Full PDB file with SEQRES, HELIX, SHEET, SSBOND, CRYST1, ORIGX, SCALE, CONECT and MASTER records, all heavy atoms in Angstrom:
SEQRES   1 A   33  VAL VAL GLN SER GLY ALA SER MET CYS MET ALA ARG MET          
SEQRES   2 A   33  VAL GLU SER ALA ALA SER PRO PRO VAL THR SER PHE GLN          
SEQRES   3 A   33  LYS LEU CYS PRO ARG ILE CYS                                  
HELIX    1 AA1 VAL A    2  SER A   16  1                                  15    
HELIX    2 AA2 VAL A   22  GLN A   26  1                                   5    
HELIX    3 AA3 LEU A   28  ILE A   32  1                                   5    
CRYST1    1.000    1.000    1.000  90.00  90.00  90.00 P 1           1          
ORIGX1      1.000000  0.000000  0.000000        0.00000                         
ORIGX2      0.000000  1.000000  0.000000        0.00000                         
ORIGX3      0.000000  0.000000  1.000000        0.00000                         
SCALE1      1.000000  0.000000  0.000000        0.00000                         
SCALE2      0.000000  1.000000  0.000000        0.00000                         
SCALE3      0.000000  0.000000  1.000000        0.00000                         
ATOM      1  N   VAL A   1     115.278 106.420 114.720  1.00  0.00           N  
ATOM      2  CA  VAL A   1     115.607 105.286 115.538  1.00  0.00           C  
ATOM      3  C   VAL A   1     114.433 104.826 116.366  1.00  0.00           C  
ATOM      4  O   VAL A   1     114.168 103.608 116.416  1.00  0.00           O  
ATOM      5  CB  VAL A   1     116.824 105.622 116.441  1.00  0.00           C  
ATOM      6  CG1 VAL A   1     117.035 104.555 117.506  1.00  0.00           C  
ATOM      7  CG2 VAL A   1     118.062 105.780 115.565  1.00  0.00           C  
ATOM      8  N   VAL A   2     113.693 105.742 116.994  1.00  0.00           N  
ATOM      9  CA  VAL A   2     112.513 105.413 117.803  1.00  0.00           C  
ATOM     10  C   VAL A   2     111.420 104.890 116.934  1.00  0.00           C  
ATOM     11  O   VAL A   2     110.785 103.865 117.270  1.00  0.00           O  
ATOM     12  CB  VAL A   2     112.107 106.643 118.660  1.00  0.00           C  
ATOM     13  CG1 VAL A   2     110.793 106.331 119.402  1.00  0.00           C  
ATOM     14  CG2 VAL A   2     113.191 107.044 119.654  1.00  0.00           C  
ATOM     15  N   GLN A   3     111.121 105.507 115.820  1.00  0.00           N  
ATOM     16  CA  GLN A   3     110.047 105.102 114.935  1.00  0.00           C  
ATOM     17  C   GLN A   3     110.371 103.611 114.468  1.00  0.00           C  
ATOM     18  O   GLN A   3     109.431 102.813 114.431  1.00  0.00           O  
ATOM     19  CB  GLN A   3     110.003 105.997 113.695  1.00  0.00           C  
ATOM     20  CG  GLN A   3     109.489 107.402 114.012  1.00  0.00           C  
ATOM     21  CD  GLN A   3     109.434 108.259 112.714  1.00  0.00           C  
ATOM     22  OE1 GLN A   3     109.979 107.938 111.682  1.00  0.00           O  
ATOM     23  NE2 GLN A   3     108.881 109.470 112.833  1.00  0.00           N  
ATOM     24  N   SER A   4     111.593 103.437 114.109  1.00  0.00           N  
ATOM     25  CA  SER A   4     111.993 102.160 113.622  1.00  0.00           C  
ATOM     26  C   SER A   4     111.887 101.079 114.701  1.00  0.00           C  
ATOM     27  O   SER A   4     111.376  99.972 114.479  1.00  0.00           O  
ATOM     28  CB  SER A   4     113.421 102.220 113.055  1.00  0.00           C  
ATOM     29  OG  SER A   4     113.910 101.022 112.778  1.00  0.00           O  
ATOM     30  N   GLY A   5     112.307 101.408 115.890  1.00  0.00           N  
ATOM     31  CA  GLY A   5     112.254 100.417 117.011  1.00  0.00           C  
ATOM     32  C   GLY A   5     110.768 100.106 117.352  1.00  0.00           C  
ATOM     33  O   GLY A   5     110.449  98.931 117.562  1.00  0.00           O  
ATOM     34  N   ALA A   6     109.897 101.116 117.310  1.00  0.00           N  
ATOM     35  CA  ALA A   6     108.519 100.849 117.644  1.00  0.00           C  
ATOM     36  C   ALA A   6     107.846  99.989 116.537  1.00  0.00           C  
ATOM     37  O   ALA A   6     107.006  99.120 116.850  1.00  0.00           O  
ATOM     38  CB  ALA A   6     107.790 102.167 117.720  1.00  0.00           C  
ATOM     39  N   SER A   7     108.299 100.197 115.333  1.00  0.00           N  
ATOM     40  CA  SER A   7     107.784  99.380 114.184  1.00  0.00           C  
ATOM     41  C   SER A   7     108.238  97.936 114.375  1.00  0.00           C  
ATOM     42  O   SER A   7     107.429  96.990 114.170  1.00  0.00           O  
ATOM     43  CB  SER A   7     108.291  99.915 112.847  1.00  0.00           C  
ATOM     44  OG  SER A   7     107.861 101.249 112.722  1.00  0.00           O  
ATOM     45  N   MET A   8     109.499  97.747 114.707  1.00  0.00           N  
ATOM     46  CA  MET A   8     110.014  96.358 114.941  1.00  0.00           C  
ATOM     47  C   MET A   8     109.286  95.663 116.056  1.00  0.00           C  
ATOM     48  O   MET A   8     108.909  94.487 115.999  1.00  0.00           O  
ATOM     49  CB  MET A   8     111.493  96.391 115.335  1.00  0.00           C  
ATOM     50  CG  MET A   8     112.502  96.694 114.305  1.00  0.00           C  
ATOM     51  SD  MET A   8     114.222  96.397 114.817  1.00  0.00           S  
ATOM     52  CE  MET A   8     114.247  96.860 116.572  1.00  0.00           C  
ATOM     53  N   CYS A   9     108.947  96.453 117.130  1.00  0.00           N  
ATOM     54  CA  CYS A   9     108.175  95.924 118.234  1.00  0.00           C  
ATOM     55  C   CYS A   9     106.825  95.494 117.854  1.00  0.00           C  
ATOM     56  O   CYS A   9     106.299  94.478 118.262  1.00  0.00           O  
ATOM     57  CB  CYS A   9     108.083  96.981 119.361  1.00  0.00           C  
ATOM     58  SG  CYS A   9     109.607  97.184 120.344  1.00  0.00           S  
ATOM     59  N   MET A  10     106.171  96.341 116.943  1.00  0.00           N  
ATOM     60  CA  MET A  10     104.833  96.023 116.550  1.00  0.00           C  
ATOM     61  C   MET A  10     104.760  94.776 115.681  1.00  0.00           C  
ATOM     62  O   MET A  10     103.848  93.905 115.847  1.00  0.00           O  
ATOM     63  CB  MET A  10     104.182  97.211 115.811  1.00  0.00           C  
ATOM     64  CG  MET A  10     102.695  96.982 115.644  1.00  0.00           C  
ATOM     65  SD  MET A  10     101.864  98.469 114.967  1.00  0.00           S  
ATOM     66  CE  MET A  10     101.787  99.523 116.467  1.00  0.00           C  
ATOM     67  N   ALA A  11     105.745  94.592 114.788  1.00  0.00           N  
ATOM     68  CA  ALA A  11     105.807  93.382 113.966  1.00  0.00           C  
ATOM     69  C   ALA A  11     105.923  92.162 114.916  1.00  0.00           C  
ATOM     70  O   ALA A  11     105.254  91.127 114.720  1.00  0.00           O  
ATOM     71  CB  ALA A  11     106.955  93.509 112.923  1.00  0.00           C  
ATOM     72  N   ARG A  12     106.812  92.253 115.822  1.00  0.00           N  
ATOM     73  CA  ARG A  12     107.056  91.078 116.682  1.00  0.00           C  
ATOM     74  C   ARG A  12     105.832  90.812 117.592  1.00  0.00           C  
ATOM     75  O   ARG A  12     105.491  89.719 117.903  1.00  0.00           O  
ATOM     76  CB  ARG A  12     108.265  91.431 117.655  1.00  0.00           C  
ATOM     77  CG  ARG A  12     108.701  90.273 118.525  1.00  0.00           C  
ATOM     78  CD  ARG A  12     109.091  89.022 117.803  1.00  0.00           C  
ATOM     79  NE  ARG A  12     110.249  89.161 117.014  1.00  0.00           N  
ATOM     80  CZ  ARG A  12     111.504  88.961 117.383  1.00  0.00           C  
ATOM     81  NH1 ARG A  12     111.766  88.612 118.650  1.00  0.00           N  
ATOM     82  NH2 ARG A  12     112.517  89.093 116.540  1.00  0.00           N  
ATOM     83  N   MET A  13     105.159  91.929 118.083  1.00  0.00           N  
ATOM     84  CA  MET A  13     103.964  91.725 118.864  1.00  0.00           C  
ATOM     85  C   MET A  13     102.854  90.916 118.073  1.00  0.00           C  
ATOM     86  O   MET A  13     102.266  90.020 118.523  1.00  0.00           O  
ATOM     87  CB  MET A  13     103.322  93.110 119.225  1.00  0.00           C  
ATOM     88  CG  MET A  13     102.017  93.058 119.813  1.00  0.00           C  
ATOM     89  SD  MET A  13     101.039  94.540 119.625  1.00  0.00           S  
ATOM     90  CE  MET A  13     100.400  94.404 117.971  1.00  0.00           C  
ATOM     91  N   VAL A  14     102.681  91.324 116.782  1.00  0.00           N  
ATOM     92  CA  VAL A  14     101.747  90.603 115.926  1.00  0.00           C  
ATOM     93  C   VAL A  14     102.122  89.087 115.711  1.00  0.00           C  
ATOM     94  O   VAL A  14     101.269  88.249 115.907  1.00  0.00           O  
ATOM     95  CB  VAL A  14     101.613  91.305 114.535  1.00  0.00           C  
ATOM     96  CG1 VAL A  14     100.774  90.468 113.540  1.00  0.00           C  
ATOM     97  CG2 VAL A  14     100.963  92.699 114.692  1.00  0.00           C  
ATOM     98  N   GLU A  15     103.334  88.874 115.452  1.00  0.00           N  
ATOM     99  CA  GLU A  15     103.852  87.505 115.146  1.00  0.00           C  
ATOM    100  C   GLU A  15     103.794  86.642 116.379  1.00  0.00           C  
ATOM    101  O   GLU A  15     103.643  85.415 116.313  1.00  0.00           O  
ATOM    102  CB  GLU A  15     105.215  87.449 114.683  1.00  0.00           C  
ATOM    103  CG  GLU A  15     105.399  88.029 113.215  1.00  0.00           C  
ATOM    104  CD  GLU A  15     106.857  88.464 112.963  1.00  0.00           C  
ATOM    105  OE1 GLU A  15     107.794  87.947 113.649  1.00  0.00           O  
ATOM    106  OE2 GLU A  15     107.075  89.291 112.040  1.00  0.00           O  
ATOM    107  N   SER A  16     103.964  87.261 117.626  1.00  0.00           N  
ATOM    108  CA  SER A  16     104.109  86.439 118.774  1.00  0.00           C  
ATOM    109  C   SER A  16     102.873  86.195 119.588  1.00  0.00           C  
ATOM    110  O   SER A  16     102.801  85.416 120.518  1.00  0.00           O  
ATOM    111  CB  SER A  16     105.085  87.147 119.750  1.00  0.00           C  
ATOM    112  OG  SER A  16     106.308  87.437 119.085  1.00  0.00           O  
ATOM    113  N   ALA A  17     101.762  86.788 119.178  1.00  0.00           N  
ATOM    114  CA  ALA A  17     100.500  86.633 119.834  1.00  0.00           C  
ATOM    115  C   ALA A  17     100.117  85.137 119.875  1.00  0.00           C  
ATOM    116  O   ALA A  17     100.166  84.507 118.818  1.00  0.00           O  
ATOM    117  CB  ALA A  17      99.393  87.342 119.221  1.00  0.00           C  
ATOM    118  N   ALA A  18      99.876  84.590 121.090  1.00  0.00           N  
ATOM    119  CA  ALA A  18      99.635  83.171 121.207  1.00  0.00           C  
ATOM    120  C   ALA A  18      98.461  82.670 120.350  1.00  0.00           C  
ATOM    121  O   ALA A  18      98.544  81.649 119.622  1.00  0.00           O  
ATOM    122  CB  ALA A  18      99.353  82.846 122.645  1.00  0.00           C  
ATOM    123  N   SER A  19      97.351  83.428 120.431  1.00  0.00           N  
ATOM    124  CA  SER A  19      96.337  83.164 119.391  1.00  0.00           C  
ATOM    125  C   SER A  19      95.839  84.535 118.951  1.00  0.00           C  
ATOM    126  O   SER A  19      95.191  85.261 119.706  1.00  0.00           O  
ATOM    127  CB  SER A  19      95.149  82.339 119.960  1.00  0.00           C  
ATOM    128  OG  SER A  19      94.889  82.750 121.297  1.00  0.00           O  
ATOM    129  N   PRO A  20      96.213  84.932 117.776  1.00  0.00           N  
ATOM    130  CA  PRO A  20      96.054  86.328 117.329  1.00  0.00           C  
ATOM    131  C   PRO A  20      94.668  86.855 117.418  1.00  0.00           C  
ATOM    132  O   PRO A  20      93.764  86.246 116.897  1.00  0.00           O  
ATOM    133  CB  PRO A  20      96.588  86.386 115.892  1.00  0.00           C  
ATOM    134  CG  PRO A  20      97.151  85.041 115.636  1.00  0.00           C  
ATOM    135  CD  PRO A  20      96.746  84.086 116.692  1.00  0.00           C  
ATOM    136  N   PRO A  21      94.439  87.987 118.160  1.00  0.00           N  
ATOM    137  CA  PRO A  21      93.152  88.602 118.191  1.00  0.00           C  
ATOM    138  C   PRO A  21      92.924  89.363 116.894  1.00  0.00           C  
ATOM    139  O   PRO A  21      93.213  90.556 116.769  1.00  0.00           O  
ATOM    140  CB  PRO A  21      93.195  89.555 119.368  1.00  0.00           C  
ATOM    141  CG  PRO A  21      94.580  89.645 119.784  1.00  0.00           C  
ATOM    142  CD  PRO A  21      95.453  88.597 119.025  1.00  0.00           C  
ATOM    143  N   VAL A  22      92.491  88.604 115.875  1.00  0.00           N  
ATOM    144  CA  VAL A  22      92.497  89.086 114.503  1.00  0.00           C  
ATOM    145  C   VAL A  22      91.686  90.353 114.325  1.00  0.00           C  
ATOM    146  O   VAL A  22      92.236  91.347 113.642  1.00  0.00           O  
ATOM    147  CB  VAL A  22      91.927  88.017 113.566  1.00  0.00           C  
ATOM    148  CG1 VAL A  22      91.763  88.576 112.093  1.00  0.00           C  
ATOM    149  CG2 VAL A  22      92.827  86.788 113.533  1.00  0.00           C  
ATOM    150  N   THR A  23      90.512  90.498 114.869  1.00  0.00           N  
ATOM    151  CA  THR A  23      89.670  91.639 114.762  1.00  0.00           C  
ATOM    152  C   THR A  23      90.494  92.896 115.289  1.00  0.00           C  
ATOM    153  O   THR A  23      90.459  93.982 114.585  1.00  0.00           O  
ATOM    154  CB  THR A  23      88.358  91.518 115.538  1.00  0.00           C  
ATOM    155  OG1 THR A  23      87.922  90.169 115.332  1.00  0.00           O  
ATOM    156  CG2 THR A  23      87.330  92.493 115.020  1.00  0.00           C  
ATOM    157  N   SER A  24      91.114  92.818 116.403  1.00  0.00           N  
ATOM    158  CA  SER A  24      91.864  93.909 116.920  1.00  0.00           C  
ATOM    159  C   SER A  24      93.067  94.277 116.027  1.00  0.00           C  
ATOM    160  O   SER A  24      93.342  95.440 115.863  1.00  0.00           O  
ATOM    161  CB  SER A  24      92.371  93.589 118.308  1.00  0.00           C  
ATOM    162  OG  SER A  24      91.351  93.210 119.161  1.00  0.00           O  
ATOM    163  N   PHE A  25      93.711  93.225 115.536  1.00  0.00           N  
ATOM    164  CA  PHE A  25      94.808  93.499 114.662  1.00  0.00           C  
ATOM    165  C   PHE A  25      94.476  94.119 113.290  1.00  0.00           C  
ATOM    166  O   PHE A  25      95.186  94.973 112.809  1.00  0.00           O  
ATOM    167  CB  PHE A  25      95.583  92.174 114.339  1.00  0.00           C  
ATOM    168  CG  PHE A  25      96.472  91.694 115.441  1.00  0.00           C  
ATOM    169  CD1 PHE A  25      97.088  90.448 115.467  1.00  0.00           C  
ATOM    170  CD2 PHE A  25      96.805  92.532 116.528  1.00  0.00           C  
ATOM    171  CE1 PHE A  25      97.885  89.999 116.452  1.00  0.00           C  
ATOM    172  CE2 PHE A  25      97.663  92.046 117.563  1.00  0.00           C  
ATOM    173  CZ  PHE A  25      98.177  90.801 117.511  1.00  0.00           C  
ATOM    174  N   GLN A  26      93.255  93.735 112.789  1.00  0.00           N  
ATOM    175  CA  GLN A  26      92.727  94.408 111.553  1.00  0.00           C  
ATOM    176  C   GLN A  26      92.629  95.899 111.685  1.00  0.00           C  
ATOM    177  O   GLN A  26      92.809  96.615 110.726  1.00  0.00           O  
ATOM    178  CB  GLN A  26      91.447  93.782 111.162  1.00  0.00           C  
ATOM    179  CG  GLN A  26      91.560  92.389 110.580  1.00  0.00           C  
ATOM    180  CD  GLN A  26      90.186  91.783 110.077  1.00  0.00           C  
ATOM    181  OE1 GLN A  26      89.102  92.268 110.634  1.00  0.00           O  
ATOM    182  NE2 GLN A  26      90.250  90.928 109.133  1.00  0.00           N  
ATOM    183  N   LYS A  27      92.362  96.373 112.932  1.00  0.00           N  
ATOM    184  CA  LYS A  27      92.198  97.812 113.139  1.00  0.00           C  
ATOM    185  C   LYS A  27      93.495  98.566 112.975  1.00  0.00           C  
ATOM    186  O   LYS A  27      93.493  99.795 112.872  1.00  0.00           O  
ATOM    187  CB  LYS A  27      91.625  98.021 114.523  1.00  0.00           C  
ATOM    188  CG  LYS A  27      90.194  97.476 114.709  1.00  0.00           C  
ATOM    189  CD  LYS A  27      89.547  97.971 116.001  1.00  0.00           C  
ATOM    190  CE  LYS A  27      88.197  97.467 116.145  1.00  0.00           C  
ATOM    191  NZ  LYS A  27      88.086  96.426 117.267  1.00  0.00           N  
ATOM    192  N   LEU A  28      94.536  97.819 112.948  1.00  0.00           N  
ATOM    193  CA  LEU A  28      95.915  98.571 112.770  1.00  0.00           C  
ATOM    194  C   LEU A  28      96.125  98.998 111.337  1.00  0.00           C  
ATOM    195  O   LEU A  28      96.849  99.952 111.087  1.00  0.00           O  
ATOM    196  CB  LEU A  28      97.053  97.659 113.101  1.00  0.00           C  
ATOM    197  CG  LEU A  28      97.036  96.937 114.521  1.00  0.00           C  
ATOM    198  CD1 LEU A  28      98.214  96.035 114.776  1.00  0.00           C  
ATOM    199  CD2 LEU A  28      97.002  98.091 115.664  1.00  0.00           C  
ATOM    200  N   CYS A  29      95.460  98.316 110.404  1.00  0.00           N  
ATOM    201  CA  CYS A  29      95.753  98.606 108.976  1.00  0.00           C  
ATOM    202  C   CYS A  29      95.590 100.027 108.537  1.00  0.00           C  
ATOM    203  O   CYS A  29      96.526 100.637 107.927  1.00  0.00           O  
ATOM    204  CB  CYS A  29      94.874  97.642 108.086  1.00  0.00           C  
ATOM    205  SG  CYS A  29      95.345  95.943 108.194  1.00  0.00           S  
ATOM    206  N   PRO A  30      94.483 100.735 108.899  1.00  0.00           N  
ATOM    207  CA  PRO A  30      94.343 102.140 108.389  1.00  0.00           C  
ATOM    208  C   PRO A  30      95.473 103.018 109.004  1.00  0.00           C  
ATOM    209  O   PRO A  30      95.884 103.934 108.334  1.00  0.00           O  
ATOM    210  CB  PRO A  30      92.930 102.477 108.980  1.00  0.00           C  
ATOM    211  CG  PRO A  30      92.175 101.198 109.185  1.00  0.00           C  
ATOM    212  CD  PRO A  30      93.208 100.148 109.538  1.00  0.00           C  
ATOM    213  N   ARG A  31      95.790 102.733 110.248  1.00  0.00           N  
ATOM    214  CA  ARG A  31      96.807 103.591 110.920  1.00  0.00           C  
ATOM    215  C   ARG A  31      98.194 103.407 110.236  1.00  0.00           C  
ATOM    216  O   ARG A  31      98.958 104.350 110.104  1.00  0.00           O  
ATOM    217  CB  ARG A  31      96.820 103.344 112.407  1.00  0.00           C  
ATOM    218  CG  ARG A  31      95.566 103.686 113.128  1.00  0.00           C  
ATOM    219  CD  ARG A  31      95.586 103.501 114.567  1.00  0.00           C  
ATOM    220  NE  ARG A  31      96.429 104.501 115.214  1.00  0.00           N  
ATOM    221  CZ  ARG A  31      96.513 104.632 116.501  1.00  0.00           C  
ATOM    222  NH1 ARG A  31      95.813 103.802 117.332  1.00  0.00           N  
ATOM    223  NH2 ARG A  31      97.285 105.570 117.047  1.00  0.00           N  
ATOM    224  N   ILE A  32      98.422 102.182 109.871  1.00  0.00           N  
ATOM    225  CA  ILE A  32      99.714 101.853 109.185  1.00  0.00           C  
ATOM    226  C   ILE A  32      99.800 102.549 107.824  1.00  0.00           C  
ATOM    227  O   ILE A  32     100.784 103.118 107.430  1.00  0.00           O  
ATOM    228  CB  ILE A  32      99.911 100.335 109.122  1.00  0.00           C  
ATOM    229  CG1 ILE A  32     100.202  99.772 110.539  1.00  0.00           C  
ATOM    230  CG2 ILE A  32     101.076  99.961 108.152  1.00  0.00           C  
ATOM    231  CD1 ILE A  32     100.138  98.288 110.641  1.00  0.00           C  
ATOM    232  N   CYS A  33      98.681 102.443 107.117  1.00  0.00           N  
ATOM    233  CA  CYS A  33      98.555 103.136 105.736  1.00  0.00           C  
ATOM    234  C   CYS A  33      98.877 104.634 105.913  1.00  0.00           C  
ATOM    235  O   CYS A  33      99.586 105.186 105.121  1.00  0.00           O  
ATOM    236  CB  CYS A  33      97.131 103.053 105.221  1.00  0.00           C  
ATOM    237  SG  CYS A  33      96.779 101.449 104.470  1.00  0.00           S  
TER     238      CYS A  33                                                      
MASTER        0    0    0    3    0    0    0    6  237    1    0    3          
END                                                                             
């Protein structure tokens, strides 16, 4: 439940960024893999 909630939050965080800090977001990819 917690893992799933945190994942939902992260997706929403990425989508809602006013102007996405792309370089910082790209760093999430290896950890998600």
